[in-house]
Protein backbone atom coordinates (compact mmCIF):
# COMPACT_ATOMS: atom_id res chain seq x y z
CA UNK A 1 0.00 0.00 0.00
CA UNK A 2 1.44 3.38 -0.96
CA UNK A 3 2.01 6.23 1.46
CA UNK A 4 -0.75 8.25 -0.18
CA UNK A 5 -3.25 5.42 0.39
CA UNK A 6 -2.26 5.23 4.05
CA UNK A 7 -2.64 9.01 4.41
CA UNK A 8 -6.06 8.86 2.75
CA UNK A 9 -7.18 6.06 5.08
CA UNK A 10 -6.05 8.03 8.14
CA UNK A 11 -7.84 11.15 6.90
CA UNK A 12 -11.04 9.14 6.46
CA UNK A 13 -10.66 7.74 9.98
CA UNK A 14 -10.16 11.25 11.40
CA UNK A 15 -13.28 12.41 9.55
CA UNK A 16 -15.28 9.44 10.88
CA UNK A 17 -14.21 10.03 14.48
CA UNK A 18 -14.79 13.79 14.19
CA UNK A 19 -18.32 13.07 12.99
CA UNK A 20 -18.92 10.77 15.97
CA UNK A 21 -17.62 13.48 18.31
CA UNK A 22 -19.83 16.16 16.84
CA UNK A 23 -22.92 13.89 16.94
CA UNK A 24 -22.34 12.75 20.53
CA UNK A 25 -23.87 14.59 23.49
CA UNK A 26 -20.70 13.80 25.43
CA UNK A 27 -17.24 12.37 24.80
CA UNK A 28 -15.20 10.93 27.67
CA UNK A 29 -11.57 9.77 27.60
CA UNK A 30 -10.71 6.83 29.87
CA UNK A 31 -7.49 4.87 30.29
CA UNK A 32 -8.11 1.14 30.37
CA UNK A 33 -4.57 -0.20 30.89
CA UNK A 34 -4.60 -3.27 33.11
CA UNK A 35 -8.21 -4.27 32.47
CA UNK A 36 -8.80 -7.75 31.15
CA UNK A 37 -10.57 -8.33 27.84
CA UNK A 38 -13.56 -9.66 29.80
CA UNK A 39 -13.77 -6.45 31.88
CA UNK A 40 -13.54 -4.26 28.77
CA UNK A 41 -16.31 -6.28 27.11
CA UNK A 42 -18.41 -5.98 30.28
CA UNK A 43 -17.88 -2.20 30.21
CA UNK A 44 -18.76 -2.03 26.52
CA UNK A 45 -22.00 -3.91 27.21
CA UNK A 46 -22.98 -1.53 30.02
CA UNK A 47 -22.24 1.45 27.82
CA UNK A 48 -24.09 0.00 24.82
CA UNK A 49 -27.21 -0.54 26.95
CA UNK A 50 -27.16 3.17 27.82
CA UNK A 51 -26.78 4.38 24.23
CA UNK A 52 -23.01 4.85 24.45
CA UNK A 53 -20.09 3.48 22.47
CA UNK A 54 -16.52 2.71 23.56
CA UNK A 55 -13.91 2.79 20.81
CA UNK A 56 -10.16 2.29 21.06
CA UNK A 57 -8.56 4.71 18.60
CA UNK A 58 -4.97 5.68 17.93
CA UNK A 59 -4.20 8.80 19.94
CA UNK A 60 -2.98 10.86 16.97
CA UNK A 61 -6.25 10.18 15.11
CA UNK A 62 -8.28 11.11 18.21
CA UNK A 63 -6.23 14.28 18.65
CA UNK A 64 -6.79 15.37 15.06
CA UNK A 65 -10.51 14.61 15.25
CA UNK A 66 -10.83 16.49 18.56
CA UNK A 67 -9.06 19.52 17.09
CA UNK A 68 -11.24 19.35 13.99
CA UNK A 69 -14.47 19.66 16.01
CA UNK A 70 -13.10 22.20 18.50
CA UNK A 71 -12.48 19.83 21.42
CA UNK A 72 -8.80 20.70 21.74
CA UNK A 73 -8.95 20.34 25.53
CA UNK A 74 -9.15 16.58 25.11
CA UNK A 75 -5.80 16.34 23.33
CA UNK A 76 -3.78 16.74 26.54
CA UNK A 77 -5.18 13.45 27.86
CA UNK A 78 -4.78 11.46 24.66
CA UNK A 79 -1.63 9.58 25.62
CA UNK A 80 -1.29 5.97 26.60
CA UNK A 81 -3.92 3.26 26.06
CA UNK A 82 -7.23 5.12 25.94
CA UNK A 83 -10.79 4.37 25.10
CA UNK A 84 -13.01 7.11 23.78
CA UNK A 85 -16.62 6.89 24.93
CA UNK A 86 -19.36 8.56 22.92
CA UNK A 87 -22.78 9.12 24.54
CA UNK A 88 -25.51 9.64 21.98
CA UNK A 89 -28.71 9.62 24.05
CA UNK A 90 -27.92 11.28 27.38
CA UNK A 91 -25.18 13.78 28.22
CA UNK A 92 -24.20 12.22 31.54
CA UNK A 93 -24.80 8.50 30.96
CA UNK A 94 -21.22 7.79 29.86
CA UNK A 95 -19.66 9.51 32.86
CA UNK A 96 -22.10 7.77 35.25
CA UNK A 97 -21.32 4.32 33.88
CA UNK A 98 -17.56 4.92 33.72
CA UNK A 99 -17.49 6.29 37.26
CA UNK A 100 -19.49 3.35 38.66
CA UNK A 101 -17.32 0.88 36.75
CA UNK A 102 -14.11 2.59 37.93
CA UNK A 103 -15.21 2.21 41.57
CA UNK A 104 -15.21 -1.58 41.13
CA UNK A 105 -12.27 -1.71 38.71
CA UNK A 106 -9.54 0.62 39.95
CA UNK A 107 -7.47 0.18 36.78
CA UNK A 108 -9.99 2.21 34.75
CA UNK A 109 -9.10 5.90 34.98
CA UNK A 110 -11.37 8.63 33.71
CA UNK A 111 -9.20 11.41 32.28
CA UNK A 112 -11.45 14.14 30.90
CA UNK A 113 -14.38 14.76 28.64
CA UNK A 114 -16.65 17.09 26.75
CA UNK A 115 -20.26 17.29 27.88
CA UNK A 116 -22.71 19.33 25.81
CA UNK A 117 -19.80 21.07 24.11
CA UNK A 118 -17.92 22.10 27.28
CA UNK A 119 -14.58 20.60 28.37
CA UNK A 120 -14.35 19.06 31.85
CA UNK A 121 -11.35 17.61 33.69
CA UNK A 122 -11.33 14.37 35.67
CA UNK A 123 -12.78 15.79 38.91
CA UNK A 124 -15.49 17.70 37.05
CA UNK A 125 -16.49 14.56 35.13
CA UNK A 126 -16.76 12.79 38.49
CA UNK A 127 -19.09 15.54 39.76
CA UNK A 128 -21.20 15.28 36.61
CA UNK A 129 -21.48 11.52 37.09
CA UNK A 130 -23.10 12.08 40.47
CA UNK A 131 -25.89 14.29 39.14
CA UNK A 132 -29.38 12.84 39.26
CA UNK A 133 -31.02 11.93 35.94
CA UNK A 134 -32.43 14.76 33.82
CA UNK A 135 -36.03 13.80 34.61
CA UNK A 136 -35.32 14.04 38.35
CA UNK A 137 -33.66 17.43 37.95
CA UNK A 138 -36.65 18.69 35.96
CA UNK A 139 -39.06 17.41 38.63
CA UNK A 140 -37.00 19.16 41.32
CA UNK A 141 -37.10 22.39 39.32
CA UNK A 142 -40.86 22.12 38.78
CA UNK A 143 -41.38 21.56 42.51
CA UNK A 144 -39.36 24.66 43.33
CA UNK A 145 -41.24 26.72 40.75
CA UNK A 146 -44.65 25.55 41.99
CA UNK A 147 -43.95 26.00 45.71
CA UNK A 148 -44.62 29.79 45.77
CA UNK A 149 -47.86 29.29 43.82
CA UNK A 150 -49.00 26.64 46.28
CA UNK A 151 -48.29 28.96 49.22
CA UNK A 152 -50.20 31.78 47.48
CA UNK A 153 -53.19 29.51 46.86
CA UNK A 154 -53.25 28.42 50.51
CA UNK A 155 -52.99 32.03 51.67
CA UNK A 156 -55.81 33.20 49.39
CA UNK A 157 -58.00 30.30 50.51
CA UNK A 158 -57.44 31.18 54.18
CA UNK A 159 -58.13 34.84 53.44
CA UNK A 160 -61.46 34.07 51.74
CA UNK A 161 -62.48 31.75 54.60
CA UNK A 162 -61.65 34.50 57.13
CA UNK A 163 -63.70 37.03 55.13
CA UNK A 164 -66.65 34.62 54.97
CA UNK A 165 -66.45 34.07 58.73
CA UNK A 166 -66.36 37.84 59.41
CA UNK A 167 -69.31 38.50 57.05
CA UNK A 168 -71.49 35.79 58.63
CA UNK A 169 -70.98 37.26 62.14
Foldseek 3Di string as FASTA:
>chain_A
DDPVVVVVVLVVLLVVVLVLCVQFQKKWKKAQPPDDPVLVVVLQVQQVVQQKHKDWDQLVSVCSSCVVNVNNVCSVVSDHGIIMMGHNPAQLSNLLSQVVSCVVVVSMATAWMAHNRRTGGRVVSNVSNPDDDPVVVVVVVVCVVCVVVVVVVVVVVVVVVVVVVVVVD
